[in-house]
Amino acid sequence: MSHLLNQYGLYLLFGAVAIESAGVPVPGETTLIAAAVLAKLGHFSLWSVIVVAAVAAIVGDNIGYWLGREGGRRLLTRWKFLERHAGRTLPPAERFFEKHGAKTVFFGRFIAVLRVATAWIAGISGMPWWRFFLWNAAGGIA
């Protein structure tokens, strides 16, 4: 079993962190902690765990951004009960992202619920991708 973990563990780490960052509720943080412990025990290089986690977070958030950008608004207006709520909450969110989007993307990386929501809302609100990418990468690396 440890042979499989040594061979595929970093792929599992990448998948869990990227999928969580894209918006699917999987235990990405827990997987990262487990990988760090395994690095301490000599199964992985700590640097490889850090690099894989940072790249996975950036990739996953970009997937979430594009999901929000391409289909988020359609999803929010698909059902009446969501459409009413979105009609009240999206305009202030869009104004907020115009003013504070960069800070929100950067600091959102460190707050569990915001980590996922920030990427989707940035995409839905039309934040320019290059700006999102820059601040998301900075937060993911930090």
Protein backbone atom coordinates (compact mmCIF):
# COMPACT_ATOMS: atom_id res chain seq x y z
CA MET A 1 0.00 0.00 0.00
CA SER A 2 2.79 2.46 0.81
CA HIS A 3 4.27 1.75 -2.64
CA LEU A 4 1.02 3.00 -4.24
CA LEU A 5 0.98 6.01 -1.96
CA ASN A 6 4.57 6.87 -2.83
CA GLN A 7 3.87 6.41 -6.54
CA TYR A 8 0.50 8.18 -6.84
CA GLY A 9 0.28 10.36 -3.74
CA LEU A 10 1.27 13.62 -5.40
CA TYR A 11 -1.26 12.99 -8.19
CA LEU A 12 -3.92 12.42 -5.54
CA LEU A 13 -2.84 15.64 -3.84
CA PHE A 14 -3.05 17.57 -7.10
CA GLY A 15 -6.50 16.16 -7.89
CA ALA A 16 -7.96 16.79 -4.45
CA VAL A 17 -6.67 20.37 -4.17
CA ALA A 18 -7.62 21.28 -7.76
CA ILE A 19 -11.10 19.78 -7.53
CA GLU A 20 -11.76 21.49 -4.20
CA SER A 21 -10.54 24.82 -5.58
CA ALA A 22 -12.81 24.42 -8.60
CA GLY A 23 -15.84 24.16 -6.32
CA VAL A 24 -16.42 20.47 -5.59
CA PRO A 25 -16.56 19.74 -1.86
CA VAL A 26 -13.70 17.27 -1.46
CA PRO A 27 -11.14 17.27 1.39
CA GLY A 28 -8.34 19.14 -0.38
CA GLU A 29 -7.03 20.75 2.80
CA THR A 30 -7.01 17.43 4.62
CA THR A 31 -5.17 15.82 1.71
CA LEU A 32 -2.60 18.62 1.82
CA ILE A 33 -2.05 18.12 5.55
CA ALA A 34 -1.67 14.36 5.04
CA ALA A 35 0.84 14.96 2.23
CA ALA A 36 2.82 17.31 4.47
CA VAL A 37 2.93 14.66 7.20
CA LEU A 38 4.05 12.08 4.65
CA ALA A 39 6.74 14.49 3.49
CA LYS A 40 7.94 14.80 7.08
CA LEU A 41 8.11 11.00 7.24
CA GLY A 42 10.24 10.93 4.09
CA HIS A 43 7.66 9.68 1.57
CA PHE A 44 7.71 12.91 -0.48
CA SER A 45 9.90 15.94 -0.82
CA LEU A 46 8.36 18.85 1.06
CA TRP A 47 9.13 21.11 -1.91
CA SER A 48 7.24 18.81 -4.27
CA VAL A 49 4.21 18.89 -1.95
CA ILE A 50 4.33 22.70 -1.84
CA VAL A 51 4.71 23.06 -5.61
CA VAL A 52 2.02 20.50 -6.43
CA ALA A 53 -0.43 22.10 -3.97
CA ALA A 54 0.21 25.64 -5.26
CA VAL A 55 -0.15 24.64 -8.92
CA ALA A 56 -3.28 22.60 -8.16
CA ALA A 57 -4.85 25.52 -6.28
CA ILE A 58 -4.16 27.89 -9.15
CA VAL A 59 -5.44 25.45 -11.80
CA GLY A 60 -8.55 24.60 -9.77
CA ASP A 61 -9.41 28.24 -9.16
CA ASN A 62 -9.02 29.00 -12.85
CA ILE A 63 -11.44 26.19 -13.64
CA GLY A 64 -13.87 27.67 -11.10
CA TYR A 65 -13.39 31.11 -12.64
CA TRP A 66 -14.21 29.83 -16.14
CA LEU A 67 -17.19 27.82 -14.87
CA GLY A 68 -18.51 30.98 -13.27
CA ARG A 69 -17.73 33.08 -16.33
CA GLU A 70 -19.26 30.69 -18.87
CA GLY A 71 -22.20 29.23 -16.99
CA GLY A 72 -22.57 30.79 -13.57
CA ARG A 73 -25.09 33.45 -14.52
CA ARG A 74 -27.16 30.94 -16.52
CA LEU A 75 -27.17 28.60 -13.55
CA LEU A 76 -28.29 31.37 -11.20
CA THR A 77 -31.15 32.38 -13.49
CA ARG A 78 -32.31 28.86 -14.28
CA TRP A 79 -34.75 28.57 -11.37
CA LYS A 80 -37.05 31.33 -10.13
CA PHE A 81 -36.04 31.10 -6.46
CA LEU A 82 -32.35 31.46 -7.40
CA GLU A 83 -33.09 34.17 -9.94
CA ARG A 84 -34.78 36.35 -7.32
CA HIS A 85 -31.87 35.91 -4.94
CA ALA A 86 -29.28 36.49 -7.69
CA GLY A 87 -31.08 39.62 -8.82
CA ARG A 88 -30.60 41.10 -5.35
CA THR A 89 -27.08 39.86 -4.64
CA LEU A 90 -25.24 39.97 -7.97
CA PRO A 91 -25.26 43.74 -8.55
CA PRO A 92 -23.63 44.51 -5.17
CA ALA A 93 -21.19 41.62 -5.67
CA GLU A 94 -20.23 42.97 -9.09
CA ARG A 95 -19.68 46.45 -7.66
CA PHE A 96 -17.64 44.97 -4.82
CA PHE A 97 -15.46 43.01 -7.27
CA GLU A 98 -14.90 46.10 -9.40
CA LYS A 99 -13.53 47.90 -6.35
CA HIS A 100 -11.97 45.13 -4.25
CA GLY A 101 -11.66 42.13 -6.59
CA ALA A 102 -7.88 41.78 -6.46
CA LYS A 103 -7.74 41.83 -2.65
CA THR A 104 -10.69 39.46 -2.42
CA VAL A 105 -9.09 36.92 -4.77
CA PHE A 106 -5.78 37.07 -2.91
CA PHE A 107 -7.15 36.89 0.65
CA GLY A 108 -9.97 34.53 -0.33
CA ARG A 109 -7.34 31.80 -0.71
CA PHE A 110 -6.98 31.75 3.09
CA ILE A 111 -10.66 31.53 4.08
CA ALA A 112 -12.36 28.17 3.53
CA VAL A 113 -15.73 29.20 2.07
CA LEU A 114 -14.33 32.15 0.15
CA ARG A 115 -11.69 29.96 -1.49
CA VAL A 116 -14.33 28.42 -3.75
CA ALA A 117 -16.84 31.24 -3.94
CA THR A 118 -14.29 33.88 -4.89
CA ALA A 119 -13.30 32.19 -8.14
CA TRP A 120 -16.91 31.62 -9.20
CA ILE A 121 -18.01 35.15 -8.30
CA ALA A 122 -14.98 36.64 -10.05
CA GLY A 123 -15.99 34.77 -13.20
CA ILE A 124 -19.68 35.62 -12.91
CA SER A 125 -18.95 39.30 -12.27
CA GLY A 126 -16.71 39.51 -15.34
CA MET A 127 -13.44 40.27 -13.57
CA PRO A 128 -10.73 40.32 -16.27
CA TRP A 129 -9.05 36.92 -16.40
CA TRP A 130 -5.45 38.23 -16.37
CA ARG A 131 -6.19 40.19 -13.19
CA PHE A 132 -7.85 37.19 -11.58
CA PHE A 133 -4.96 34.95 -12.61
CA LEU A 134 -2.32 37.29 -11.23
CA TRP A 135 -3.91 37.67 -7.78
CA ASN A 136 -5.04 34.04 -7.63
CA ALA A 137 -1.50 32.86 -8.41
CA ALA A 138 -0.07 35.18 -5.77
CA GLY A 139 -2.52 33.81 -3.19
CA GLY A 140 -2.00 30.20 -4.26
CA ILE A 141 1.76 30.52 -4.01
CA ALA A 142 1.60 32.31 -0.67
